[in-house]
């Protein structure tokens, strides 16, 4: 167990995922300032009206995108390892908590699921015209890498964050990619119908 500075936000950060953050509250300027000064990680944890969740992700600032004269800043952070929140602690200007690491079971994904997930992601990438590269199938924790490249609902990401089986996560990622692919296809078809007003154009 160890104490970690916490940054509660209404978003879920997955390991390997990168997201931009705008830092404006004084307490979080203090937290991020300390992390930058001592090259430390902080804990990004999902929070809403129901409070903070029990799992989060250690985050490291990879780049300071902009600094404003009043102390605000835009930063880019990357998700690292997961943690479980055991207890909220006090004594600092920002929120802190006692945390313990979340470790995966030794349950690697099978090659069939990996190939399926990679194929689904590639189809989604082509359908949306994305210029993202297809991840290497041998990438560690590939489930997180793939999930971090797709827009997912917080509940779906929290489910992945809590899952300690790469095999189980990969199966879930395949389901999420299939759902995203179906939704994208439907949106595209609806847009095409709207352009033609639902009629077939004859030359």
Protein backbone atom coordinates (compact mmCIF):
# COMPACT_ATOMS: atom_id res chain seq x y z
CA UNK A 1 0.00 0.00 0.00
CA UNK A 2 1.09 3.58 -0.57
CA UNK A 3 -0.41 7.05 -0.68
CA UNK A 4 -1.14 8.56 -4.08
CA UNK A 5 -2.33 11.99 -5.13
CA UNK A 6 -5.75 11.60 -6.74
CA UNK A 7 -7.35 13.47 -9.61
CA UNK A 8 -11.08 12.55 -9.71
CA UNK A 9 -12.63 13.18 -13.13
CA UNK A 10 -15.70 12.01 -15.05
CA UNK A 11 -13.51 9.95 -17.37
CA UNK A 12 -11.76 6.58 -17.26
CA UNK A 13 -8.12 6.35 -18.29
CA UNK A 14 -6.93 2.94 -19.46
CA UNK A 15 -3.32 1.73 -19.25
CA UNK A 16 -1.38 2.94 -22.35
CA UNK A 17 -4.17 5.42 -23.25
CA UNK A 18 -3.24 9.06 -23.75
CA UNK A 19 -5.61 11.94 -23.05
CA UNK A 20 -5.25 15.74 -22.85
CA UNK A 21 -6.26 17.48 -19.61
CA UNK A 22 -6.89 21.13 -18.81
CA UNK A 23 -5.66 21.94 -15.30
CA UNK A 24 -7.31 24.98 -13.76
CA UNK A 25 -8.24 24.31 -10.11
CA UNK A 26 -5.58 25.45 -7.65
CA UNK A 27 -5.41 22.10 -5.83
CA UNK A 28 -4.81 20.19 -9.04
CA UNK A 29 -2.30 22.74 -10.25
CA UNK A 30 -0.44 21.92 -7.04
CA UNK A 31 -0.74 18.17 -7.66
CA UNK A 32 0.42 18.32 -11.27
CA UNK A 33 3.17 20.79 -10.36
CA UNK A 34 4.59 18.34 -7.82
CA UNK A 35 4.35 15.48 -10.29
CA UNK A 36 6.24 17.48 -12.91
CA UNK A 37 8.89 18.62 -10.44
CA UNK A 38 9.65 15.15 -9.08
CA UNK A 39 8.65 13.06 -12.14
CA UNK A 40 5.92 11.30 -10.18
CA UNK A 41 2.65 9.70 -11.15
CA UNK A 42 -0.80 10.66 -9.90
CA UNK A 43 -3.99 8.63 -9.75
CA UNK A 44 -6.73 9.41 -12.24
CA UNK A 45 -9.97 7.93 -10.94
CA UNK A 46 -13.51 8.09 -12.29
CA UNK A 47 -15.88 10.21 -10.22
CA UNK A 48 -19.42 11.48 -10.68
CA UNK A 49 -22.39 12.38 -8.46
CA UNK A 50 -22.12 8.92 -6.87
CA UNK A 51 -18.53 9.57 -5.78
CA UNK A 52 -15.20 7.99 -6.70
CA UNK A 53 -14.95 4.43 -7.96
CA UNK A 54 -12.82 1.75 -6.37
CA UNK A 55 -10.30 1.41 -9.21
CA UNK A 56 -8.21 3.91 -11.14
CA UNK A 57 -5.10 4.27 -13.24
CA UNK A 58 -1.74 5.78 -12.44
CA UNK A 59 -1.04 8.58 -14.88
CA UNK A 60 2.19 10.27 -15.91
CA UNK A 61 2.46 13.65 -17.61
CA UNK A 62 4.16 13.03 -20.94
CA UNK A 63 3.97 16.59 -22.25
CA UNK A 64 3.01 20.08 -21.14
CA UNK A 65 1.08 21.41 -24.10
CA UNK A 66 0.56 24.97 -22.86
CA UNK A 67 1.07 27.13 -19.76
CA UNK A 68 -1.13 30.15 -19.09
CA UNK A 69 0.03 33.26 -17.16
CA UNK A 70 -2.53 32.58 -14.41
CA UNK A 71 -1.11 29.10 -13.71
CA UNK A 72 -3.52 27.05 -15.74
CA UNK A 73 -2.02 24.46 -18.05
CA UNK A 74 -2.87 21.95 -20.76
CA UNK A 75 -1.11 18.63 -20.40
CA UNK A 76 -0.99 15.23 -22.07
CA UNK A 77 -1.07 12.22 -19.75
CA UNK A 78 -0.53 8.52 -20.33
CA UNK A 79 -2.15 5.71 -18.39
CA UNK A 80 0.22 3.35 -16.60
CA UNK A 81 -0.61 0.64 -14.06
CA UNK A 82 -3.96 0.19 -12.32
CA UNK A 83 -4.64 0.66 -8.63
CA UNK A 84 -7.39 -0.12 -6.15
CA UNK A 85 -8.49 2.70 -3.85
CA UNK A 86 -8.47 1.42 -0.27
CA UNK A 87 -9.00 4.57 1.76
CA UNK A 88 -9.26 8.33 1.25
CA UNK A 89 -6.57 10.20 3.20
CA UNK A 90 -6.25 13.83 4.24
CA UNK A 91 -3.56 16.38 4.94
CA UNK A 92 -2.90 17.83 1.51
CA UNK A 93 -4.54 20.55 -0.54
CA UNK A 94 -5.53 17.94 -3.13
CA UNK A 95 -7.20 14.59 -2.59
CA UNK A 96 -5.05 11.60 -1.69
CA UNK A 97 -5.68 7.96 -0.97
CA UNK A 98 -4.09 4.71 0.15
CA UNK A 99 -3.89 2.43 -2.88
CA UNK A 100 -2.74 -1.05 -3.80
CA UNK A 101 -1.78 -2.34 -7.26
CA UNK A 102 -4.17 -4.33 -9.44
CA UNK A 103 -2.30 -7.25 -10.98
CA UNK A 104 -3.37 -9.43 -13.89
CA UNK A 105 -3.83 -13.17 -13.52
CA UNK A 106 -1.62 -15.35 -15.70
CA UNK A 107 -4.31 -15.86 -18.29
CA UNK A 108 -2.99 -14.73 -21.68
CA UNK A 109 -5.36 -14.24 -24.57
CA UNK A 110 -5.52 -16.85 -27.32
CA UNK A 111 -4.31 -16.16 -30.84
CA UNK A 112 -7.83 -16.49 -32.29
CA UNK A 113 -9.22 -13.68 -30.11
CA UNK A 114 -6.21 -11.51 -30.86
CA UNK A 115 -6.62 -11.98 -34.62
CA UNK A 116 -10.36 -11.28 -34.35
CA UNK A 117 -9.82 -8.09 -32.35
CA UNK A 118 -7.12 -6.82 -34.70
CA UNK A 119 -9.34 -7.54 -37.71
CA UNK A 120 -12.32 -5.73 -36.19
CA UNK A 121 -10.19 -2.73 -35.31
CA UNK A 122 -8.76 -2.61 -38.81
CA UNK A 123 -12.27 -2.67 -40.34
CA UNK A 124 -13.39 0.09 -37.99
CA UNK A 125 -10.28 2.11 -38.82
CA UNK A 126 -10.94 1.82 -42.55
CA UNK A 127 -14.66 2.59 -42.20
CA UNK A 128 -13.97 5.79 -40.25
CA UNK A 129 -11.02 6.85 -42.39
CA UNK A 130 -8.73 6.87 -39.36
CA UNK A 131 -4.97 7.14 -39.84
CA UNK A 132 -4.24 5.23 -36.62
CA UNK A 133 -1.81 2.35 -36.95
CA UNK A 134 -2.99 -1.19 -36.24
CA UNK A 135 -1.28 -2.32 -33.00
CA UNK A 136 1.25 -5.14 -33.03
CA UNK A 137 -0.56 -8.39 -32.05
CA UNK A 138 2.30 -9.18 -29.66
CA UNK A 139 1.82 -5.95 -27.68
CA UNK A 140 1.52 -6.49 -23.92
CA UNK A 141 -2.03 -5.96 -22.61
CA UNK A 142 -3.29 -5.57 -26.15
CA UNK A 143 -6.86 -5.33 -24.86
CA UNK A 144 -6.10 -2.00 -23.21
CA UNK A 145 -4.23 -0.72 -26.25
CA UNK A 146 -7.13 -1.45 -28.59
CA UNK A 147 -9.78 -0.16 -26.18
CA UNK A 148 -7.80 3.05 -25.68
CA UNK A 149 -7.97 3.78 -29.41
CA UNK A 150 -11.79 3.67 -29.57
CA UNK A 151 -14.43 5.94 -28.01
CA UNK A 152 -16.07 3.85 -25.28
CA UNK A 153 -18.56 4.60 -22.52
CA UNK A 154 -17.13 5.02 -19.00
CA UNK A 155 -18.97 1.93 -17.73
CA UNK A 156 -17.41 -0.21 -20.46
CA UNK A 157 -13.95 1.13 -19.66
CA UNK A 158 -14.46 0.59 -15.92
CA UNK A 159 -15.40 -3.01 -16.59
CA UNK A 160 -12.15 -3.48 -18.51
CA UNK A 161 -10.19 -1.72 -15.78
CA UNK A 162 -11.52 -4.08 -13.10
CA UNK A 163 -10.97 -7.25 -15.15
CA UNK A 164 -7.73 -9.01 -14.18
CA UNK A 165 -7.82 -11.51 -17.07
CA UNK A 166 -6.35 -10.49 -20.42
CA UNK A 167 -8.27 -13.34 -22.03
CA UNK A 168 -11.56 -12.07 -20.63
CA UNK A 169 -10.75 -8.47 -21.51
CA UNK A 170 -9.90 -9.39 -25.09
CA UNK A 171 -13.23 -11.17 -25.47
CA UNK A 172 -15.00 -8.07 -24.15
CA UNK A 173 -12.98 -5.79 -26.45
CA UNK A 174 -14.08 -7.89 -29.44
CA UNK A 175 -17.71 -7.35 -28.40
CA UNK A 176 -17.15 -3.61 -28.01
CA UNK A 177 -15.42 -3.34 -31.38
CA UNK A 178 -18.25 -5.24 -33.06
CA UNK A 179 -20.76 -2.88 -31.46
CA UNK A 180 -18.75 0.18 -32.54
CA UNK A 181 -18.47 -1.20 -36.07
CA UNK A 182 -22.23 -1.82 -36.28
CA UNK A 183 -23.03 1.65 -34.92
CA UNK A 184 -20.64 3.30 -37.38
CA UNK A 185 -22.17 1.40 -40.28
CA UNK A 186 -25.68 2.41 -39.25
CA UNK A 187 -24.70 6.07 -38.91
CA UNK A 188 -23.08 6.02 -42.33
CA UNK A 189 -26.10 4.36 -43.93
CA UNK A 190 -28.44 6.88 -42.30
CA UNK A 191 -26.28 9.75 -43.57
CA UNK A 192 -26.31 8.33 -47.08
CA UNK A 193 -30.09 7.94 -47.01
CA UNK A 194 -30.43 11.54 -45.82
CA UNK A 195 -28.34 12.79 -48.74
CA UNK A 196 -30.52 10.97 -51.29
CA UNK A 197 -33.72 11.66 -49.36
CA UNK A 198 -34.31 7.92 -49.21
CA UNK A 199 -34.69 7.67 -53.01
CA UNK A 200 -32.69 5.91 -55.67
CA UNK A 201 -31.23 8.36 -58.14
CA UNK A 202 -31.52 7.31 -61.76
CA UNK A 203 -29.38 8.92 -64.42
